[in-house]
């Protein structure tokens, strides 16, 4: 199986060759350049959307929305219908289908929980936050997840993580695939970081990071070049 994997060397380990000193910025020197969120994702999870001239937001990609929809359709078809039939007949019949349906529902719930919550950047509010609630809907803004004023943000950071994904074939053989997942973070004035999004499409995350950098008028640090 090892022949199927690309060799791991010092030249392709994530962020190993990036020298933060080249940025000539004291905050970069105290910033961590290792992945903030482990695991990553191979597919595009969120896409940056222009909501209005003063607001942009990361919204779930079509593949994530499809995963949520398919998960609940499979749940209804494999769990809901058999259970409804048993209730109608008044007879319990053991079946694996409801359990398989629950598995697909769990996948859909996980995708919805992790990737469907919006990540919003608003110039009128002069801040960014995660979640469905807006600052005008809460009494205290610190109730919002990751609520951060723009003046606390020093830079945007792109780093990468080497991930592995195991798969099996119908013949029973398995293989492990290696891929890079790219992570976009905010770097705060004290060097602390807040994750914005992560996925496996380098060009997409660079384009979104550039757009966000221009929108916020913050510098962009790309450790994947």
Protein backbone atom coordinates (compact mmCIF):
# COMPACT_ATOMS: atom_id res chain seq x y z
CA UNK A 1 0.00 0.00 0.00
CA UNK A 2 2.89 2.36 0.68
CA UNK A 3 3.60 2.43 -3.05
CA UNK A 4 0.27 4.15 -3.58
CA UNK A 5 1.19 7.10 -1.37
CA UNK A 6 3.33 10.07 -2.38
CA UNK A 7 6.50 10.22 -0.29
CA UNK A 8 6.43 12.63 2.64
CA UNK A 9 9.56 14.76 2.63
CA UNK A 10 10.64 18.02 4.20
CA UNK A 11 9.67 19.71 0.93
CA UNK A 12 5.98 18.82 0.99
CA UNK A 13 5.24 18.84 4.72
CA UNK A 14 2.67 21.59 5.40
CA UNK A 15 4.10 25.09 5.95
CA UNK A 16 7.54 23.68 6.89
CA UNK A 17 9.46 25.82 4.43
CA UNK A 18 7.59 29.06 5.13
CA UNK A 19 9.76 31.65 6.86
CA UNK A 20 7.57 34.14 8.71
CA UNK A 21 10.57 36.48 9.06
CA UNK A 22 10.19 37.38 5.38
CA UNK A 23 6.95 39.18 6.24
CA UNK A 24 8.94 41.69 8.31
CA UNK A 25 6.11 41.88 10.82
CA UNK A 26 6.50 41.28 14.57
CA UNK A 27 3.00 39.79 14.79
CA UNK A 28 3.92 37.19 12.17
CA UNK A 29 6.86 36.14 14.37
CA UNK A 30 4.56 35.27 17.30
CA UNK A 31 1.87 33.67 15.12
CA UNK A 32 1.50 29.88 14.97
CA UNK A 33 1.82 28.50 11.43
CA UNK A 34 0.56 24.99 12.16
CA UNK A 35 -3.08 24.01 11.35
CA UNK A 36 -5.61 25.55 13.71
CA UNK A 37 -8.36 23.03 12.85
CA UNK A 38 -7.16 19.48 12.33
CA UNK A 39 -8.79 17.13 9.83
CA UNK A 40 -9.51 19.50 6.96
CA UNK A 41 -11.78 18.76 4.03
CA UNK A 42 -11.14 17.57 0.49
CA UNK A 43 -14.11 19.32 -1.12
CA UNK A 44 -15.12 22.99 -1.07
CA UNK A 45 -17.19 23.55 2.06
CA UNK A 46 -17.98 27.28 1.97
CA UNK A 47 -18.01 29.96 -0.74
CA UNK A 48 -17.72 33.69 -0.18
CA UNK A 49 -20.84 35.59 -1.27
CA UNK A 50 -21.49 39.33 -1.62
CA UNK A 51 -24.69 40.04 0.35
CA UNK A 52 -24.70 43.83 -0.12
CA UNK A 53 -22.01 46.52 -0.59
CA UNK A 54 -21.17 46.44 3.13
CA UNK A 55 -21.62 42.75 3.90
CA UNK A 56 -20.07 39.53 2.62
CA UNK A 57 -20.46 36.05 4.07
CA UNK A 58 -19.27 32.50 3.69
CA UNK A 59 -22.20 30.28 2.78
CA UNK A 60 -22.29 26.48 2.35
CA UNK A 61 -21.23 25.18 -1.05
CA UNK A 62 -23.59 23.23 -3.30
CA UNK A 63 -21.83 19.97 -2.38
CA UNK A 64 -22.48 20.55 1.33
CA UNK A 65 -26.12 21.44 0.70
CA UNK A 66 -26.45 18.29 -1.41
CA UNK A 67 -24.96 16.20 1.42
CA UNK A 68 -27.51 17.58 3.88
CA UNK A 69 -30.46 17.03 1.52
CA UNK A 70 -29.36 13.52 0.50
CA UNK A 71 -28.78 12.57 4.13
CA UNK A 72 -32.32 13.46 5.15
CA UNK A 73 -33.88 11.94 2.03
CA UNK A 74 -32.08 8.68 2.79
CA UNK A 75 -33.26 8.90 6.39
CA UNK A 76 -36.89 9.36 5.35
CA UNK A 77 -36.70 6.60 2.75
CA UNK A 78 -34.78 4.04 4.80
CA UNK A 79 -35.98 4.82 8.31
CA UNK A 80 -39.17 6.86 8.20
CA UNK A 81 -41.13 4.75 5.70
CA UNK A 82 -40.37 1.31 7.29
CA UNK A 83 -41.20 2.65 10.76
CA UNK A 84 -44.45 4.16 9.49
CA UNK A 85 -45.40 0.83 7.90
CA UNK A 86 -44.70 -1.07 11.12
CA UNK A 87 -46.82 1.39 13.09
CA UNK A 88 -49.63 1.04 10.57
CA UNK A 89 -49.51 -2.78 10.72
CA UNK A 90 -48.98 -2.83 14.47
CA UNK A 91 -46.26 -5.44 14.01
CA UNK A 92 -42.59 -4.96 14.80
CA UNK A 93 -40.21 -6.39 12.22
CA UNK A 94 -36.49 -6.08 12.77
CA UNK A 95 -34.75 -4.32 9.92
CA UNK A 96 -31.36 -2.74 9.41
CA UNK A 97 -32.81 -0.05 7.15
CA UNK A 98 -33.81 2.35 9.97
CA UNK A 99 -30.29 2.16 11.41
CA UNK A 100 -28.74 2.83 7.99
CA UNK A 101 -31.16 5.72 7.59
CA UNK A 102 -30.09 7.12 10.96
CA UNK A 103 -26.48 6.96 9.80
CA UNK A 104 -27.26 9.05 6.72
CA UNK A 105 -29.26 11.48 8.86
CA UNK A 106 -26.25 11.78 11.16
CA UNK A 107 -24.02 12.62 8.20
CA UNK A 108 -26.49 15.27 7.09
CA UNK A 109 -26.73 16.74 10.59
CA UNK A 110 -22.94 16.86 10.90
CA UNK A 111 -22.59 18.64 7.55
CA UNK A 112 -25.34 21.10 8.51
CA UNK A 113 -23.87 21.81 11.95
CA UNK A 114 -20.28 22.26 10.79
CA UNK A 115 -20.62 23.99 7.43
CA UNK A 116 -24.09 25.57 7.05
CA UNK A 117 -23.83 28.16 9.79
CA UNK A 118 -22.99 31.48 8.06
CA UNK A 119 -19.75 33.37 8.65
CA UNK A 120 -20.50 37.07 8.24
CA UNK A 121 -18.32 40.16 7.68
CA UNK A 122 -20.14 43.48 8.02
CA UNK A 123 -18.57 46.92 7.54
CA UNK A 124 -21.52 48.73 9.12
CA UNK A 125 -21.16 46.60 12.23
CA UNK A 126 -17.36 46.83 11.77
CA UNK A 127 -17.08 43.22 12.89
CA UNK A 128 -17.36 39.59 11.90
CA UNK A 129 -19.21 36.72 13.59
CA UNK A 130 -20.32 33.13 13.08
CA UNK A 131 -23.87 31.83 13.40
CA UNK A 132 -27.44 32.68 12.43
CA UNK A 133 -27.95 35.56 14.88
CA UNK A 134 -26.97 39.11 13.93
CA UNK A 135 -25.59 41.62 16.47
CA UNK A 136 -28.87 43.54 16.43
CA UNK A 137 -30.69 40.40 17.61
CA UNK A 138 -28.80 40.00 20.88
CA UNK A 139 -28.36 42.16 23.97
CA UNK A 140 -24.67 41.39 24.38
CA UNK A 141 -22.53 41.00 21.29
CA UNK A 142 -20.17 38.61 23.06
CA UNK A 143 -23.02 36.09 22.94
CA UNK A 144 -22.23 35.66 19.25
CA UNK A 145 -19.77 32.95 18.30
CA UNK A 146 -16.34 34.38 17.41
CA UNK A 147 -17.64 37.96 17.31
CA UNK A 148 -14.57 40.07 16.54
CA UNK A 149 -14.24 43.77 15.74
CA UNK A 150 -12.29 44.50 12.57
CA UNK A 151 -9.77 46.64 14.44
CA UNK A 152 -8.67 43.51 16.35
CA UNK A 153 -7.75 41.74 13.10
CA UNK A 154 -4.14 42.17 11.99
CA UNK A 155 -3.99 39.90 8.94
CA UNK A 156 -5.44 36.94 7.08
CA UNK A 157 -3.49 33.69 7.04
CA UNK A 158 -3.59 30.78 4.56
CA UNK A 159 -1.88 27.56 5.61
CA UNK A 160 -2.18 23.95 4.54
CA UNK A 161 -2.49 20.57 6.23
CA UNK A 162 -1.55 17.17 4.83
CA UNK A 163 -4.57 14.92 5.34
CA UNK A 164 -5.36 11.26 4.72
CA UNK A 165 -8.59 9.71 3.52
CA UNK A 166 -9.15 5.97 3.61
CA UNK A 167 -11.43 4.25 1.13
CA UNK A 168 -12.34 0.67 0.33
CA UNK A 169 -13.43 -1.01 -2.90
CA UNK A 170 -16.07 -3.65 -3.56
CA UNK A 171 -13.31 -6.25 -3.65
CA UNK A 172 -12.50 -5.52 -0.02
CA UNK A 173 -9.18 -3.83 -0.64
CA UNK A 174 -8.48 -0.46 0.91
CA UNK A 175 -6.21 2.42 0.08
CA UNK A 176 -5.21 5.67 1.69
CA UNK A 177 -5.18 8.90 -0.26
CA UNK A 178 -3.19 11.93 0.81
CA UNK A 179 -4.31 15.45 -0.04
CA UNK A 180 -3.81 19.00 1.14
CA UNK A 181 -6.56 20.90 2.94
CA UNK A 182 -6.17 24.69 2.96
CA UNK A 183 -7.12 26.76 5.97
CA UNK A 184 -8.06 30.43 6.12
CA UNK A 185 -7.63 32.14 9.50
CA UNK A 186 -7.75 35.59 11.02
CA UNK A 187 -4.61 36.62 12.88
CA UNK A 188 -5.37 39.05 15.70
CA UNK A 189 -3.16 41.84 16.98
CA UNK A 190 -1.75 39.58 19.73
CA UNK A 191 -0.99 36.71 17.33
CA UNK A 192 -4.04 34.64 18.31
CA UNK A 193 -5.97 33.07 15.45
CA UNK A 194 -9.62 32.46 14.53
CA UNK A 195 -10.52 29.91 11.88
CA UNK A 196 -12.74 31.13 9.05
CA UNK A 197 -12.98 28.13 6.74
CA UNK A 198 -10.99 25.20 5.36
CA UNK A 199 -11.22 22.94 2.31
CA UNK A 200 -9.14 21.27 -0.39
CA UNK A 201 -9.44 23.77 -3.26
CA UNK A 202 -6.37 26.01 -3.15
CA UNK A 203 -7.38 28.38 -5.95
CA UNK A 204 -10.85 28.92 -4.46
CA UNK A 205 -9.57 29.66 -0.97
CA UNK A 206 -6.94 32.05 -2.38
CA UNK A 207 -9.56 33.91 -4.43
CA UNK A 208 -11.89 34.16 -1.44
CA UNK A 209 -9.04 35.27 0.83
CA UNK A 210 -8.00 37.97 -1.63
CA UNK A 211 -11.58 39.26 -1.86
CA UNK A 212 -11.89 39.25 1.92
CA UNK A 213 -8.51 40.97 2.31
CA UNK A 214 -9.58 43.78 -0.02
CA UNK A 215 -12.99 44.06 1.67
CA UNK A 216 -11.42 44.39 5.13
CA UNK A 217 -8.30 46.26 3.96
CA UNK A 218 -6.14 43.75 5.83
CA UNK A 219 -2.92 42.13 4.63
CA UNK A 220 -2.90 38.52 3.43
CA UNK A 221 -0.21 36.04 4.49
CA UNK A 222 -0.09 32.99 2.23
CA UNK A 223 2.16 30.18 3.50
CA UNK A 224 1.20 27.88 0.62
CA UNK A 225 3.09 29.66 -2.16
